[in-house]
Amino acid sequence: MNSPSSFVRRHGGLLFAALLLSGCSSEVPGPAASTVTESVETPQKQVRSMTFGIVPQQSASKLARLWIPIMEQLSQEVGVQLVFQTARDIPEFEKNCRDGKYDIAYMNPFHYTQFHEDPGYVAVGKQKGKKIQGILVARKDLETDEQLKALHGQTLAFPAPDAFAATKLPAKDLENKKIEFSRKYVSSHDSVYRSVAQGLYIAGGGIVRTFKNVDKVVSDQLHIIHRTAKYTPHAFAVHPSVDEETRNRLAAALIGLENSEIGLQLLESIKFAGIESAVNEDWKDVRDLNLTPSELSD
C-alpha cells in the first residue's frame, strides 16, 4: 500500500511543472489568474476523468501535497480519474464554481449556499463531527487586556471578501462590537498568518484547521485572540451534470476513507477525523445569517 506522500514523490516533477506553468509557485499569487491542475493516475485505464476543485485556503503547492494523495485513493474507489484543481485565489475559485468548471468541489459553507442555487451543486459530504469557526490571530506580543479594542482603526488581513469563516464571520463580530477597521485581502489563509507574523498587519482572519496546518515557525509567533460562533463546515459538492451513480460512489468513497489505515492517514494529513454524509438542508444555519456575496459578480 502506498503511503500518503508516495504519489507526490513519484510525480513531483510533473507537479512542479504544473505549478510553474500556472504561475502559482508562491504563497501570494501573481497578477494573472489561472487554474492549477494536476492529473491523478490510477492503476487501471479510466474511461473518463473528473475535475476536483479545492478552495485555495492555502498555497497551490501545499494543497497539491495534501489533496493529490487523497484523490489517488478516491480514484481507485470511484473508478474514474480525479484531476486535482485549485485557483490562484478565492475570487477565481468562486468564478470557476459559478461557471461549473469543477465536477466535484470542496467549498466553504457560504459558497455552497450560493452555488447550490446556481449552477446547482449538490452536497455529498462534510467534515465529520466538526463545525467551522472563524478566528482572529495576532502576534504574541499583542498582549493587551482588551485585544480586540486594540484593532480599532487598524488594517486587518483577510483571505478574500467571501471567505466565510476567515473573513465574513470575524468581520461581522468586530462590526457588532463597533470596532472600526480596514481590510486587506491577501488571497489565502497561509498568507494571512505569514503577513501577521511578519508584522505587516496587526491581526488577521483564519480558521483553526488551517492555523494548525501552517508552518510551525509561523504559528509559534501567533496566538488566537478571538473565536466566532460555529457553523456547518465546508461541503464536498458535486456538479449537477455528474450522474447519480457516480455521485453515490464518490460519496461512499469519501465516507469510507476512515475504514482503512491509509485512509485514516490521509484524513489526518488534512486534520479530519472523517467525512460524513451531508444533505442540502445541513447548511440552513449558514443561510439564516442572510449574508450577501461581495465579489461573486467580479
Protein backbone atom coordinates (compact mmCIF):
# COMPACT_ATOMS: atom_id res chain seq x y z
CA MET A 1 0.00 0.00 0.00
CA ASN A 2 1.34 3.44 -0.90
CA SER A 3 1.95 5.99 1.82
CA PRO A 4 0.01 9.30 1.60
CA SER A 5 3.07 11.08 0.23
CA SER A 6 4.24 8.40 -2.22
CA PHE A 7 2.23 9.76 -5.15
CA VAL A 8 3.70 13.24 -4.77
CA ARG A 9 7.23 11.81 -4.53
CA ARG A 10 6.70 9.71 -7.67
CA HIS A 11 5.19 12.58 -9.65
CA GLY A 12 6.93 15.56 -8.10
CA GLY A 13 8.40 16.70 -11.41
CA LEU A 14 5.01 16.82 -13.10
CA LEU A 15 3.50 18.69 -10.18
CA PHE A 16 6.34 21.20 -10.09
CA ALA A 17 5.96 21.78 -13.83
CA ALA A 18 2.21 22.31 -13.47
CA LEU A 19 2.72 24.87 -10.74
CA LEU A 20 5.36 26.75 -12.71
CA LEU A 21 3.22 26.84 -15.83
CA SER A 22 0.32 28.22 -13.84
CA GLY A 23 2.47 30.82 -12.06
CA CYS A 24 1.39 29.52 -8.63
CA SER A 25 4.73 28.76 -7.04
CA SER A 26 4.48 31.21 -4.12
CA GLU A 27 2.17 31.91 -1.19
CA VAL A 28 0.84 35.15 -2.66
CA PRO A 29 -0.45 34.62 -6.22
CA GLY A 30 0.76 36.77 -9.08
CA PRO A 31 -1.41 39.14 -11.11
CA ALA A 32 -2.54 36.71 -13.81
CA ALA A 33 -5.36 34.33 -12.83
CA SER A 34 -5.24 30.71 -13.90
CA THR A 35 -6.35 27.30 -12.67
CA VAL A 36 -3.78 24.90 -11.23
CA THR A 37 -4.37 21.38 -12.45
CA GLU A 38 -2.69 18.02 -11.83
CA SER A 39 -3.90 14.64 -13.01
CA VAL A 40 -4.15 11.79 -10.52
CA GLU A 41 -3.14 8.49 -12.10
CA THR A 42 -4.75 5.19 -11.18
CA PRO A 43 -3.54 1.63 -11.81
CA GLN A 44 -6.35 0.94 -14.28
CA LYS A 45 -7.22 2.65 -17.53
CA GLN A 46 -10.07 5.05 -16.80
CA VAL A 47 -12.93 5.66 -19.18
CA ARG A 48 -13.22 9.28 -18.10
CA SER A 49 -11.84 11.89 -15.76
CA MET A 50 -13.46 14.33 -13.35
CA THR A 51 -12.11 17.65 -12.07
CA PHE A 52 -11.90 18.05 -8.29
CA GLY A 53 -11.60 21.69 -7.25
CA ILE A 54 -10.18 22.61 -3.83
CA VAL A 55 -10.83 26.06 -2.39
CA PRO A 56 -7.43 27.86 -2.21
CA GLN A 57 -7.22 28.48 1.52
CA GLN A 58 -3.52 27.63 1.28
CA SER A 59 -0.87 27.79 -1.43
CA ALA A 60 -1.32 25.66 -4.55
CA SER A 61 1.79 23.62 -3.76
CA LYS A 62 0.62 22.82 -0.23
CA LEU A 63 -2.89 21.92 -1.40
CA ALA A 64 -1.41 19.60 -4.02
CA ARG A 65 0.74 17.83 -1.42
CA LEU A 66 -2.29 17.34 0.82
CA TRP A 67 -5.03 16.51 -1.65
CA ILE A 68 -3.44 14.64 -4.57
CA PRO A 69 -2.80 11.51 -2.45
CA ILE A 70 -6.43 11.65 -1.29
CA MET A 71 -7.64 11.91 -4.88
CA GLU A 72 -5.41 9.00 -5.88
CA GLN A 73 -7.12 6.85 -3.24
CA LEU A 74 -10.61 8.05 -4.16
CA SER A 75 -9.96 7.43 -7.87
CA GLN A 76 -9.39 3.75 -7.17
CA GLU A 77 -12.67 3.53 -5.27
CA VAL A 78 -14.85 5.59 -7.60
CA GLY A 79 -13.45 4.18 -10.84
CA VAL A 80 -12.74 7.49 -12.56
CA GLN A 81 -9.59 9.57 -12.87
CA LEU A 82 -9.79 12.52 -10.48
CA VAL A 83 -7.94 15.64 -11.59
CA PHE A 84 -6.70 18.00 -8.87
CA GLN A 85 -7.55 21.64 -9.50
CA THR A 86 -7.41 24.82 -7.49
CA ALA A 87 -7.28 28.51 -8.36
CA ARG A 88 -4.94 31.43 -7.79
CA ASP A 89 -7.24 32.94 -5.21
CA ILE A 90 -10.70 32.57 -3.70
CA PRO A 91 -12.48 35.01 -6.06
CA GLU A 92 -11.21 32.99 -9.05
CA PHE A 93 -12.34 29.77 -7.36
CA GLU A 94 -15.78 31.33 -6.89
CA LYS A 95 -15.95 32.19 -10.58
CA ASN A 96 -14.93 28.66 -11.53
CA CYS A 97 -17.68 27.23 -9.31
CA ARG A 98 -20.25 29.62 -10.69
CA ASP A 99 -19.23 28.62 -14.22
CA GLY A 100 -19.46 24.92 -13.31
CA LYS A 101 -15.81 24.17 -14.10
CA TYR A 102 -15.42 21.61 -11.32
CA ASP A 103 -17.19 18.25 -11.40
CA ILE A 104 -16.53 17.99 -7.66
CA ALA A 105 -15.58 20.84 -5.36
CA TYR A 106 -14.58 21.33 -1.75
CA MET A 107 -16.09 24.74 -1.00
CA ASN A 108 -16.79 26.86 2.04
CA PRO A 109 -20.28 26.91 3.60
CA PHE A 110 -21.22 30.31 2.18
CA HIS A 111 -20.07 29.30 -1.29
CA TYR A 112 -22.17 26.17 -1.06
CA THR A 113 -25.33 28.13 -0.27
CA GLN A 114 -24.65 30.26 -3.36
CA PHE A 115 -23.60 27.56 -5.80
CA HIS A 116 -26.29 25.09 -4.80
CA GLU A 117 -28.75 27.62 -6.21
CA ASP A 118 -26.73 28.23 -9.38
CA PRO A 119 -25.33 26.22 -11.09
CA GLY A 120 -26.82 23.55 -8.77
CA TYR A 121 -24.00 21.82 -6.88
CA VAL A 122 -25.26 19.01 -4.63
CA ALA A 123 -23.62 18.27 -1.27
CA VAL A 124 -22.44 14.68 -0.72
CA GLY A 125 -20.24 15.06 2.37
CA LYS A 126 -18.73 17.27 5.06
CA GLN A 127 -16.08 17.01 7.74
CA LYS A 128 -17.20 14.54 10.39
CA GLY A 129 -18.22 15.79 13.81
CA LYS A 130 -16.93 19.31 13.30
CA LYS A 131 -18.32 22.80 12.95
CA ILE A 132 -16.37 25.58 11.28
CA GLN A 133 -15.26 28.51 13.41
CA GLY A 134 -13.56 31.72 12.37
CA ILE A 135 -10.60 33.10 14.31
CA LEU A 136 -8.57 36.27 14.55
CA VAL A 137 -4.86 35.82 15.12
CA ALA A 138 -2.26 38.34 16.24
CA ARG A 139 1.40 38.27 17.17
CA LYS A 140 2.03 37.01 20.68
CA ASP A 141 3.45 40.39 21.63
CA LEU A 142 -0.07 41.84 21.32
CA GLU A 143 -0.85 41.22 24.98
CA THR A 144 -3.28 43.94 25.94
CA ASP A 145 -6.18 43.43 28.32
CA GLU A 146 -8.59 44.39 25.58
CA GLN A 147 -7.06 42.85 22.48
CA LEU A 148 -9.99 43.42 20.14
CA LYS A 149 -10.16 47.11 21.04
CA ALA A 150 -6.50 47.35 20.01
CA LEU A 151 -7.69 46.58 16.46
CA HIS A 152 -9.82 49.75 16.27
CA GLY A 153 -8.70 51.92 13.37
CA GLN A 154 -6.22 49.29 12.11
CA THR A 155 -5.89 47.43 8.81
CA LEU A 156 -6.52 43.69 9.19
CA ALA A 157 -5.56 40.87 6.82
CA PHE A 158 -8.21 38.53 5.39
CA PRO A 159 -8.04 35.87 2.65
CA ALA A 160 -10.85 37.17 0.41
CA PRO A 161 -14.16 39.05 0.65
CA ASP A 162 -16.32 35.88 0.60
CA ALA A 163 -14.13 33.59 2.70
CA PHE A 164 -16.88 32.53 5.09
CA ALA A 165 -15.26 31.75 8.44
CA ALA A 166 -11.97 33.56 7.86
CA THR A 167 -13.46 36.86 6.68
CA LYS A 168 -17.21 37.22 6.98
CA LEU A 169 -17.65 35.79 10.49
CA PRO A 170 -14.83 37.66 12.30
CA ALA A 171 -15.59 40.86 10.40
CA LYS A 172 -19.24 40.62 11.44
CA ASP A 173 -18.22 40.12 15.08
CA LEU A 174 -15.96 43.18 15.00
CA GLU A 175 -18.66 45.29 13.40
CA ASN A 176 -21.14 44.16 16.07
CA LYS A 177 -18.65 45.32 18.71
CA LYS A 178 -18.39 48.73 16.97
CA ILE A 179 -14.72 48.19 16.17
CA GLU A 180 -13.82 50.07 13.01
CA PHE A 181 -11.15 48.57 10.75
CA SER A 182 -9.91 48.42 7.18
CA ARG A 183 -9.48 45.19 5.20
CA LYS A 184 -6.57 43.94 3.13
CA TYR A 185 -7.19 40.79 1.11
CA VAL A 186 -4.06 38.65 0.75
CA SER A 187 -5.51 35.66 -1.18
CA SER A 188 -5.09 32.71 1.24
CA HIS A 189 -5.21 31.71 4.90
CA ASP A 190 -1.49 30.98 4.95
CA SER A 191 -0.77 34.45 3.54
CA VAL A 192 -2.80 35.95 6.41
CA TYR A 193 -0.79 34.09 9.02
CA ARG A 194 2.56 34.91 7.40
CA SER A 195 1.79 38.59 6.94
CA VAL A 196 0.65 38.96 10.57
CA ALA A 197 3.73 37.07 11.81
CA GLN A 198 5.90 39.44 9.76
CA GLY A 199 4.23 42.43 11.40
CA LEU A 200 2.65 43.71 8.18
CA TYR A 201 -0.79 43.72 9.85
CA ILE A 202 -1.79 43.77 13.50
CA ALA A 203 -4.19 40.84 13.10
CA GLY A 204 -5.92 38.69 10.53
CA GLY A 205 -8.68 36.17 9.94
CA GLY A 206 -8.46 32.40 9.50
CA ILE A 207 -9.83 29.12 10.79
CA VAL A 208 -8.46 26.68 13.34
CA ARG A 209 -7.74 23.87 10.85
CA THR A 210 -5.55 25.96 8.53
CA PHE A 211 -3.89 27.64 11.51
CA LYS A 212 -2.87 24.20 12.77
CA ASN A 213 -1.61 23.30 9.29
CA VAL A 214 0.57 26.37 8.72
CA ASP A 215 4.33 26.05 9.20
CA LYS A 216 5.19 25.87 12.88
CA VAL A 217 7.75 28.66 12.53
CA VAL A 218 4.79 30.91 11.64
CA SER A 219 2.18 29.65 14.11
CA ASP A 220 4.65 29.81 17.01
CA GLN A 221 4.73 33.61 16.60
CA LEU A 222 0.93 33.95 16.74
CA HIS A 223 -1.96 33.34 19.06
CA ILE A 224 -5.73 33.35 18.67
CA ILE A 225 -7.35 36.48 20.09
CA HIS A 226 -10.95 35.82 19.02
CA ARG A 227 -13.17 32.88 18.05
CA THR A 228 -16.52 33.23 16.28
CA ALA A 229 -19.64 31.12 16.68
CA LYS A 230 -19.59 27.69 14.97
CA TYR A 231 -21.40 26.67 11.79
CA THR A 232 -21.79 23.72 9.42
CA PRO A 233 -18.39 23.19 7.75
CA HIS A 234 -17.23 23.08 4.12
CA ALA A 235 -19.14 20.98 1.62
CA PHE A 236 -17.92 18.30 -0.74
CA ALA A 237 -20.33 19.07 -3.56
CA VAL A 238 -20.93 17.56 -7.00
CA HIS A 239 -21.96 19.39 -10.16
CA PRO A 240 -25.49 18.50 -11.36
CA SER A 241 -24.07 17.12 -14.64
CA VAL A 242 -22.49 14.20 -12.73
CA ASP A 243 -24.73 11.15 -12.92
CA GLU A 244 -26.35 9.81 -9.76
CA GLU A 245 -24.43 6.52 -9.77
CA THR A 246 -21.05 8.27 -9.87
CA ARG A 247 -22.22 10.77 -7.26
CA ASN A 248 -23.19 7.94 -4.93
CA ARG A 249 -19.88 6.12 -5.49
CA LEU A 250 -17.98 9.31 -4.69
CA ALA A 251 -19.98 9.88 -1.50
CA ALA A 252 -19.32 6.30 -0.41
CA ALA A 253 -15.59 6.63 -1.14
CA LEU A 254 -15.30 9.88 0.84
CA ILE A 255 -17.17 8.44 3.81
CA GLY A 256 -15.23 5.18 3.58
CA LEU A 257 -11.78 6.76 3.88
CA GLU A 258 -11.81 6.20 7.64
CA ASN A 259 -12.23 2.46 7.17
CA SER A 260 -8.62 1.79 6.14
CA GLU A 261 -5.23 2.61 7.61
CA ILE A 262 -4.13 4.56 4.55
CA GLY A 263 -7.45 6.44 4.53
CA LEU A 264 -7.03 7.44 8.17
CA GLN A 265 -3.52 8.70 7.42
CA LEU A 266 -4.84 10.74 4.51
CA LEU A 267 -7.59 12.23 6.66
CA GLU A 268 -5.08 13.07 9.38
CA SER A 269 -2.97 14.95 6.83
CA ILE A 270 -5.83 17.44 6.37
CA LYS A 271 -6.77 17.37 10.08
CA PHE A 272 -10.03 15.44 9.52
CA ALA A 273 -11.31 12.71 11.84
CA GLY A 274 -13.52 11.55 8.99
CA ILE A 275 -16.08 12.60 6.38
CA GLU A 276 -19.81 12.10 6.90
CA SER A 277 -22.79 12.22 4.57
CA ALA A 278 -24.47 15.56 4.01
CA VAL A 279 -27.66 16.98 2.53
CA ASN A 280 -28.51 20.46 1.36
CA GLU A 281 -30.54 21.25 4.49
CA ASP A 282 -27.44 20.90 6.68
CA TRP A 283 -26.43 24.45 5.71
CA LYS A 284 -29.62 26.10 6.99
CA ASP A 285 -27.64 27.74 9.80
CA VAL A 286 -25.46 29.49 7.21
CA ARG A 287 -28.44 30.58 5.13
CA ASP A 288 -30.09 32.00 8.24
CA LEU A 289 -27.23 34.52 8.56
CA ASN A 290 -28.56 36.22 5.41
CA LEU A 291 -25.07 37.04 4.19
CA THR A 292 -24.69 38.64 0.77
CA PRO A 293 -21.92 37.89 -1.72
CA SER A 294 -19.27 40.58 -2.08
CA GLU A 295 -17.49 39.85 -5.35
CA LEU A 296 -19.20 36.89 -6.97
CA SER A 297 -20.10 39.10 -9.93
CA ASP A 298 -16.48 40.17 -10.49
